[in-house]
Amino acid sequence: MNKTLSMLFLILLSVAGNAQDKKFKVHTIAFYNVENLYDTINDPKVNDEEYLPDGKQHWTSAKYKKKLANLSRVIAEIGTTNNPNSPTILGVAEIENRGVLEDLIKQPLLADKGYGIVHFDSPDKRGVDVGLLYQKKSFKPTSYKAFPLIIYDEAGLKAKKKAEADKVAGKETEEDKETEGVIINIDNSGRRYTRDQLLVTGMLDGEEVSFIVNHWPSRAGGEKVSSPFREAAAALNKKIIDSLYGVNPKAKVITMGDLNDGPYNNSIKVVLGAKALKEDVKPGGLYNPMEEMSKKGIGTLAYRDAWDLFDQMIMTEPLVEKDYSSYRFWKAGVYNKTFMTEVSGAYKGYPLRSGNGKVGFSDHFPVYVYLIKQI
């Protein structure tokens, strides 16, 4: 198909109860944790020493270029089973800075896609951020904002108690307000610096859609100990989504990312309140198509021979309505082709990541959803 027509690609879907095939326009929306996409330049403001030519990974220019080429191959092919175009929207995690995204979209397989970038530096202790790539001919951003996730452990407990006391006494400060709603995990000391949550709202072929890109706190220290941090991340995410719903009860929102929890964990089932079945989603609610996939044993990462689905795409109720006169959810998937996996050894079938001198892809498989509209 001519590349100039790829954005207008029409698919034929058999609609239940209607013998006549209907024509739909489709966009692929995807998320990819690209695992440690660092450049080779030492940034004194970032903890990037491991990924320097003289660092632990011996991260040379040749390795960096190979990593970019590998990632661009994956991105160019995500969702192409039902759409010849690469993702219209791609959320990414574990990028060092805007520069690596600029290098990525210049790769030969992506250079003609016309990607734009939305990125903010976040305070993560490893120096990694989230970002969003979008095809400029289809999506026009109208606003974007980074929301910091402010979480504390033992040293922050006193500050939070002080904020609560000040609020009661009518002496609340701007600094105090930052601690409101924060879930405390008593462990080491001080604030836990992690990735911001990136909200981008814009017009997808003239329809307003919002995307939130996430990379929630890891399971360092164990799932139980670290769970409150991800529940705090979910609470922030819910607050952002509710604010969009508050402005527009029909808000179309997709929150995506490496959540470091499965669809069944409290952060998603309880705090977000995401539902596994479309029919259970009420107005103002959220639908998680990844939960049913997880129950079938489909995963995006593996650890000790167990698969989990930490990378997810969750959406608001207006995207799962049955009226296809505007963009709606069609189906979701995990992109996990053979060339992206270990082909032998103890880790056969695992994502093919970098390490031991070789350059792979990522320790995560990307996920995607299709949005379709009848034309």
Protein backbone atom coordinates (compact mmCIF):
# COMPACT_ATOMS: atom_id res chain seq x y z
CA MET A 1 0.00 0.00 0.00
CA ASN A 2 1.27 3.45 -0.87
CA LYS A 3 2.85 5.04 2.21
CA THR A 4 0.95 8.27 1.65
CA LEU A 5 -2.27 6.34 2.14
CA SER A 6 -1.19 4.33 5.18
CA MET A 7 -2.85 6.71 7.62
CA LEU A 8 -6.11 6.20 5.73
CA PHE A 9 -5.83 2.42 5.77
CA LEU A 10 -9.24 0.79 5.82
CA ILE A 11 -9.89 -2.55 7.44
CA LEU A 12 -12.86 -4.80 6.93
CA LEU A 13 -14.44 -6.10 10.11
CA SER A 14 -17.37 -8.47 10.36
CA VAL A 15 -19.79 -6.81 12.72
CA ALA A 16 -21.90 -9.21 14.78
CA GLY A 17 -25.54 -9.19 13.73
CA ASN A 18 -24.79 -7.53 10.42
CA ALA A 19 -23.92 -9.66 7.40
CA GLN A 20 -22.48 -6.72 5.51
CA ASP A 21 -18.84 -5.84 6.15
CA LYS A 22 -18.26 -2.28 7.28
CA LYS A 23 -15.26 -0.07 6.64
CA PHE A 24 -13.24 1.35 9.49
CA LYS A 25 -10.28 3.64 9.93
CA VAL A 26 -7.72 2.37 12.43
CA HIS A 27 -4.97 3.81 14.62
CA THR A 28 -2.50 1.80 16.67
CA ILE A 29 -1.78 3.16 20.16
CA ALA A 30 1.19 1.51 21.87
CA PHE A 31 3.52 1.52 24.86
CA TYR A 32 7.10 0.24 25.05
CA ASN A 33 9.50 0.10 27.97
CA VAL A 34 12.69 0.31 25.91
CA GLU A 35 14.96 -0.65 28.85
CA ASN A 36 17.81 1.70 29.61
CA LEU A 37 17.98 3.77 26.45
CA TYR A 38 20.98 5.88 27.43
CA ASP A 39 23.28 7.81 25.13
CA THR A 40 27.07 7.66 25.59
CA ILE A 41 27.48 11.23 26.88
CA ASN A 42 28.18 11.76 30.57
CA ASP A 43 25.50 13.97 32.11
CA PRO A 44 26.55 15.09 35.61
CA LYS A 45 22.89 15.59 36.53
CA VAL A 46 21.97 11.98 35.69
CA ASN A 47 23.09 8.66 37.14
CA ASP A 48 24.31 7.39 33.77
CA GLU A 49 27.78 6.14 34.72
CA GLU A 50 26.91 2.51 34.00
CA TYR A 51 26.07 3.42 30.40
CA LEU A 52 29.28 5.17 29.41
CA PRO A 53 32.14 3.75 27.30
CA ASP A 54 34.16 3.13 30.48
CA GLY A 55 31.17 2.07 32.55
CA LYS A 56 29.95 -1.36 33.59
CA GLN A 57 28.08 -1.88 30.31
CA HIS A 58 30.95 -0.52 28.17
CA TRP A 59 28.27 1.42 26.35
CA THR A 60 29.93 2.49 23.11
CA SER A 61 28.60 4.49 20.21
CA ALA A 62 28.32 1.28 18.17
CA LYS A 63 26.20 -0.38 20.86
CA TYR A 64 23.99 2.69 21.18
CA LYS A 65 23.39 2.77 17.43
CA LYS A 66 22.59 -0.95 17.43
CA LYS A 67 20.10 -0.47 20.24
CA LEU A 68 18.40 2.34 18.31
CA ALA A 69 18.21 0.19 15.18
CA ASN A 70 16.75 -2.73 17.14
CA LEU A 71 14.12 -0.59 18.83
CA SER A 72 13.16 1.11 15.57
CA ARG A 73 12.50 -2.27 13.98
CA VAL A 74 10.11 -3.21 16.76
CA ILE A 75 8.33 0.13 16.76
CA ALA A 76 7.91 0.09 12.98
CA GLU A 77 6.18 -3.30 13.20
CA ILE A 78 3.95 -2.95 16.28
CA GLY A 79 0.35 -3.63 15.34
CA THR A 80 1.03 -4.21 11.64
CA THR A 81 -1.07 -7.37 11.64
CA ASN A 82 -4.13 -5.17 11.19
CA ASN A 83 -2.60 -1.82 10.30
CA PRO A 84 0.39 -1.28 7.96
CA ASN A 85 1.29 1.96 9.72
CA SER A 86 3.47 2.06 12.84
CA PRO A 87 1.82 3.34 16.04
CA THR A 88 0.19 6.74 15.71
CA ILE A 89 0.84 7.19 19.43
CA LEU A 90 3.69 5.51 21.31
CA GLY A 91 4.34 5.94 25.01
CA VAL A 92 7.90 5.06 26.05
CA ALA A 93 9.69 4.44 29.35
CA GLU A 94 13.31 4.18 30.48
CA ILE A 95 14.69 6.90 28.23
CA GLU A 96 17.56 9.06 29.46
CA ASN A 97 16.53 12.33 27.82
CA ARG A 98 14.85 13.96 24.84
CA GLY A 99 17.99 13.47 22.77
CA VAL A 100 17.67 9.69 22.66
CA LEU A 101 14.13 10.06 21.34
CA GLU A 102 15.35 12.46 18.68
CA ASP A 103 17.95 9.88 17.66
CA LEU A 104 15.31 7.14 17.68
CA ILE A 105 12.85 8.86 15.36
CA LYS A 106 15.67 9.59 12.89
CA GLN A 107 16.28 5.87 12.36
CA PRO A 108 15.68 4.82 8.73
CA LEU A 109 12.66 2.69 9.61
CA LEU A 110 10.96 5.60 11.40
CA ALA A 111 12.28 8.72 9.67
CA ASP A 112 9.36 8.98 7.22
CA LYS A 113 6.69 8.57 9.93
CA GLY A 114 6.79 12.23 10.97
CA TYR A 115 6.97 11.63 14.70
CA GLY A 116 6.81 14.48 17.18
CA ILE A 117 8.00 14.26 20.79
CA VAL A 118 6.57 15.23 24.17
CA HIS A 119 9.08 14.84 27.01
CA PHE A 120 9.91 16.30 30.41
CA ASP A 121 12.92 15.51 32.58
CA SER A 122 11.79 13.72 35.72
CA PRO A 123 13.58 13.41 39.08
CA ASP A 124 14.02 9.63 38.92
CA LYS A 125 17.15 8.55 40.79
CA ARG A 126 18.37 6.50 37.78
CA GLY A 127 17.82 9.41 35.45
CA VAL A 128 15.18 7.71 33.29
CA ASP A 129 12.02 9.37 32.06
CA VAL A 130 8.81 8.65 30.19
CA GLY A 131 7.87 10.27 26.90
CA LEU A 132 5.37 10.23 24.08
CA LEU A 133 5.89 9.97 20.32
CA TYR A 134 3.05 10.94 17.98
CA GLN A 135 2.58 11.08 14.24
CA LYS A 136 2.07 14.76 13.53
CA LYS A 137 -0.21 14.26 10.54
CA SER A 138 -2.83 12.49 12.68
CA PHE A 139 -2.44 13.83 16.22
CA LYS A 140 -2.19 17.48 17.26
CA PRO A 141 -1.28 18.01 20.95
CA THR A 142 -3.22 20.81 22.60
CA SER A 143 -1.79 20.50 26.12
CA TYR A 144 0.75 18.44 28.06
CA LYS A 145 1.90 18.33 31.65
CA ALA A 146 4.13 16.20 33.88
CA PHE A 147 2.65 15.24 37.25
CA PRO A 148 5.24 14.37 39.91
CA LEU A 149 4.63 11.36 42.12
CA ILE A 150 5.60 12.55 45.58
CA ILE A 151 6.15 9.65 47.96
CA TYR A 152 8.04 9.48 51.21
CA ASP A 153 9.32 6.92 53.63
CA GLU A 154 10.48 7.29 57.24
CA ALA A 155 12.19 10.69 56.95
CA GLY A 156 9.15 12.08 55.20
CA LEU A 157 6.77 10.94 57.90
CA LYS A 158 7.48 13.93 60.13
CA ALA A 159 6.95 16.32 57.22
CA LYS A 160 3.61 14.75 56.39
CA LYS A 161 2.46 14.87 60.01
CA LYS A 162 3.50 18.52 60.15
CA ALA A 163 1.50 19.24 57.00
CA GLU A 164 -1.57 17.60 58.50
CA ALA A 165 -1.18 19.58 61.73
CA ASP A 166 -0.70 22.84 59.81
CA LYS A 167 -3.85 22.18 57.81
CA VAL A 168 -5.88 21.66 60.96
CA ALA A 169 -4.41 24.85 62.45
CA GLY A 170 -5.05 26.83 59.28
CA LYS A 171 -1.33 27.30 58.60
CA GLU A 172 -1.04 25.13 55.50
CA THR A 173 1.83 26.04 53.16
CA GLU A 174 2.42 25.23 49.49
CA GLU A 175 5.04 22.70 50.59
CA ASP A 176 2.49 21.12 52.93
CA LYS A 177 0.02 20.73 50.05
CA GLU A 178 2.51 18.54 48.18
CA THR A 179 2.22 15.87 50.87
CA GLU A 180 -1.57 15.58 50.75
CA GLY A 181 -2.75 12.10 49.90
CA VAL A 182 0.77 10.68 49.93
CA ILE A 183 1.07 7.06 51.01
CA ILE A 184 3.98 6.56 53.37
CA ASN A 185 6.17 3.48 53.27
CA ILE A 186 8.55 3.32 56.24
CA ASP A 187 11.80 1.94 54.90
CA ASN A 188 14.92 4.07 54.49
CA SER A 189 14.64 7.85 54.60
CA GLY A 190 13.39 10.84 52.65
CA ARG A 191 11.46 11.28 49.48
CA ARG A 192 11.53 8.50 46.91
CA TYR A 193 12.33 10.09 43.57
CA THR A 194 10.64 8.36 40.67
CA ARG A 195 9.16 9.03 37.27
CA ASP A 196 6.54 11.68 36.61
CA GLN A 197 3.23 10.79 35.01
CA LEU A 198 2.95 12.46 31.60
CA LEU A 199 -0.46 13.69 30.42
CA VAL A 200 -0.86 14.65 26.77
CA THR A 201 -4.21 15.80 25.38
CA GLY A 202 -4.77 16.47 21.72
CA MET A 203 -6.87 15.97 18.64
CA LEU A 204 -6.78 12.59 16.91
CA ASP A 205 -8.22 13.28 13.46
CA GLY A 206 -10.23 16.06 15.08
CA GLU A 207 -11.39 14.06 18.13
CA GLU A 208 -10.07 14.92 21.57
CA VAL A 209 -8.18 12.06 23.22
CA SER A 210 -5.86 12.11 26.24
CA PHE A 211 -2.93 9.82 26.93
CA ILE A 212 -1.14 9.28 30.24
CA VAL A 213 2.30 7.65 30.14
CA ASN A 214 3.42 5.88 33.33
CA HIS A 215 6.37 4.03 34.80
CA TRP A 216 5.35 3.24 38.35
CA PRO A 217 7.80 2.51 41.20
CA SER A 218 9.62 -0.82 41.01
CA ARG A 219 9.31 -3.83 43.28
CA ALA A 220 12.71 -3.21 44.86
CA GLY A 221 12.61 -4.56 48.41
CA GLY A 222 9.82 -6.97 47.53
CA GLU A 223 6.25 -6.73 46.28
CA LYS A 224 4.67 -6.27 49.71
CA VAL A 225 7.07 -3.60 50.92
CA SER A 226 6.91 -1.62 47.67
CA SER A 227 3.19 -2.01 46.99
CA PRO A 228 2.19 1.24 48.78
CA PHE A 229 4.32 3.22 46.33
CA ARG A 230 2.45 1.80 43.33
CA GLU A 231 -0.84 2.35 45.10
CA ALA A 232 0.20 5.98 45.49
CA ALA A 233 1.00 6.06 41.77
CA ALA A 234 -2.44 4.62 41.01
CA ALA A 235 -4.06 7.24 43.25
CA LEU A 236 -2.29 10.02 41.33
CA ASN A 237 -3.33 8.42 38.04
CA LYS A 238 -6.93 8.19 39.19
CA LYS A 239 -6.84 11.83 40.24
CA ILE A 240 -5.67 12.86 36.77
CA ILE A 241 -8.33 10.74 35.05
CA ASP A 242 -11.08 11.98 37.37
CA SER A 243 -10.07 15.57 36.62
CA LEU A 244 -10.48 14.88 32.90
CA TYR A 245 -13.83 13.22 33.54
CA GLY A 246 -14.80 16.27 35.61
CA VAL A 247 -14.26 18.57 32.64
CA ASN A 248 -15.85 16.17 30.16
CA PRO A 249 -17.91 13.13 31.31
CA LYS A 250 -17.27 11.65 27.85
CA ALA A 251 -13.50 12.08 28.05
CA LYS A 252 -11.55 9.54 26.03
CA VAL A 253 -8.44 8.68 28.01
CA ILE A 254 -5.88 5.90 27.66
CA THR A 255 -3.49 5.46 30.57
CA MET A 256 -0.55 3.29 29.59
CA GLY A 257 2.75 2.15 30.97
CA ASP A 258 4.96 -0.21 32.89
CA LEU A 259 2.95 -0.33 36.11
CA ASN A 260 5.20 -2.88 37.86
CA ASP A 261 1.96 -4.56 38.97
CA GLY A 262 -0.27 -7.02 37.20
CA PRO A 263 -3.91 -6.34 36.28
CA TYR A 264 -4.95 -8.24 39.43
CA ASN A 265 -2.98 -6.15 41.98
CA ASN A 266 -4.59 -3.67 44.37
CA SER A 267 -3.14 -0.64 42.60
CA ILE A 268 -5.17 -1.45 39.49
CA LYS A 269 -8.14 -3.46 40.76
CA VAL A 270 -8.86 -1.41 43.88
CA VAL A 271 -7.30 2.05 43.54
CA LEU A 272 -7.96 2.51 39.84
CA GLY A 273 -11.01 0.27 39.94
CA ALA A 274 -10.31 -1.07 36.43
CA LYS A 275 -12.71 -3.73 35.16
CA ALA A 276 -11.83 -6.82 33.12
CA LEU A 277 -15.12 -6.93 31.19
CA LYS A 278 -16.60 -4.15 29.08
CA GLU A 279 -20.10 -4.77 30.40
CA ASP A 280 -18.92 -4.08 33.95
CA VAL A 281 -17.59 -0.62 33.13
CA LYS A 282 -19.90 2.14 34.34
CA PRO A 283 -19.84 5.82 33.31
CA GLY A 284 -16.78 7.35 34.92
CA GLY A 285 -15.10 3.95 35.12
CA LEU A 286 -12.12 2.21 33.53
CA TYR A 287 -11.66 -0.85 31.33
CA ASN A 288 -8.51 -2.99 31.36
CA PRO A 289 -8.33 -5.37 28.37
CA MET A 290 -5.04 -6.74 29.72
CA GLU A 291 -6.69 -8.56 32.63
CA GLU A 292 -8.26 -11.25 30.45
CA MET A 293 -4.98 -11.58 28.56
CA SER A 294 -3.14 -12.07 31.84
CA LYS A 295 -5.56 -14.83 32.86
CA LYS A 296 -4.63 -16.65 29.66
CA GLY A 297 -0.95 -16.60 30.64
CA ILE A 298 0.07 -13.83 28.23
CA GLY A 299 2.86 -11.66 29.59
CA THR A 300 5.23 -8.84 28.72
CA LEU A 301 8.14 -9.87 30.95
CA ALA A 302 9.40 -13.02 32.62
CA TYR A 303 11.15 -13.68 35.92
CA ARG A 304 12.15 -17.09 37.29
CA ASP A 305 10.10 -18.86 34.63
CA ALA A 306 6.95 -16.92 35.52
CA TRP A 307 5.33 -14.46 33.12
CA ASP A 308 3.59 -11.28 34.18
CA LEU A 309 1.80 -8.48 32.37
CA PHE A 310 3.12 -5.27 33.93
CA ASP A 311 2.78 -3.27 30.70
CA GLN A 312 -0.83 -2.25 30.30
CA MET A 313 -3.27 -0.05 28.37
CA ILE A 314 -6.30 1.01 30.43
CA MET A 315 -9.07 3.24 29.08
CA THR A 316 -12.10 5.25 30.08
CA GLU A 317 -15.67 4.08 29.50
CA PRO A 318 -16.41 6.25 26.41
CA LEU A 319 -13.77 4.29 24.48
CA VAL A 320 -15.63 1.01 24.96
CA GLU A 321 -19.06 2.17 23.88
CA LYS A 322 -20.53 0.28 20.93
CA ASP A 323 -21.16 3.29 18.72
CA TYR A 324 -18.31 3.41 16.18
CA SER A 325 -19.23 6.80 14.73
CA SER A 326 -16.16 8.07 16.60
CA TYR A 327 -12.99 6.31 17.73
CA ARG A 328 -13.53 3.30 20.01
CA PHE A 329 -11.44 0.43 21.31
CA TRP A 330 -11.31 -2.64 19.07
CA LYS A 331 -8.75 -5.03 20.57
CA ALA A 332 -5.43 -5.21 22.42
CA GLY A 333 -2.25 -7.19 21.98
CA VAL A 334 1.31 -7.89 23.07
CA TYR A 335 3.94 -7.62 20.35
CA ASN A 336 6.30 -10.54 20.97
CA LYS A 337 7.81 -11.77 17.71
CA THR A 338 10.52 -14.43 17.67
CA PHE A 339 13.29 -12.03 16.65
CA MET A 340 12.74 -10.17 19.96
CA THR A 341 13.22 -13.25 22.13
CA GLU A 342 15.99 -15.48 23.42
CA VAL A 343 16.09 -18.51 21.12
CA SER A 344 18.08 -20.92 23.30
CA GLY A 345 19.45 -21.53 26.77
CA ALA A 346 17.91 -21.09 30.20
CA TYR A 347 16.07 -17.95 29.11
CA LYS A 348 14.62 -19.29 25.88
CA GLY A 349 11.45 -17.40 25.05
CA TYR A 350 12.28 -14.48 27.36
CA PRO A 351 12.55 -10.96 25.89
CA LEU A 352 15.98 -10.52 24.30
CA ARG A 353 17.58 -7.82 26.42
CA SER A 354 21.05 -6.27 26.40
CA GLY A 355 23.80 -7.65 28.62
CA ASN A 356 27.03 -9.61 28.72
CA GLY A 357 28.41 -7.54 25.88
CA LYS A 358 25.52 -8.07 23.48
CA VAL A 359 22.87 -5.57 22.43
CA GLY A 360 19.30 -6.78 22.42
CA PHE A 361 15.94 -5.06 22.46
CA SER A 362 14.34 -4.78 25.91
CA ASP A 363 13.40 -6.92 28.88
CA HIS A 364 9.76 -6.00 28.13
CA PHE A 365 7.54 -6.68 25.15
CA PRO A 366 5.48 -3.71 23.94
CA VAL A 367 1.70 -3.61 24.19
CA TYR A 368 -0.84 -1.96 21.93
CA VAL A 369 -4.51 -1.32 21.28
CA TYR A 370 -6.38 -0.46 18.10
CA LEU A 371 -8.79 2.46 17.97
CA ILE A 372 -11.27 2.24 15.10
CA LYS A 373 -13.95 4.46 13.61
CA GLN A 374 -16.54 3.56 10.99
CA ILE A 375 -16.36 5.63 7.82
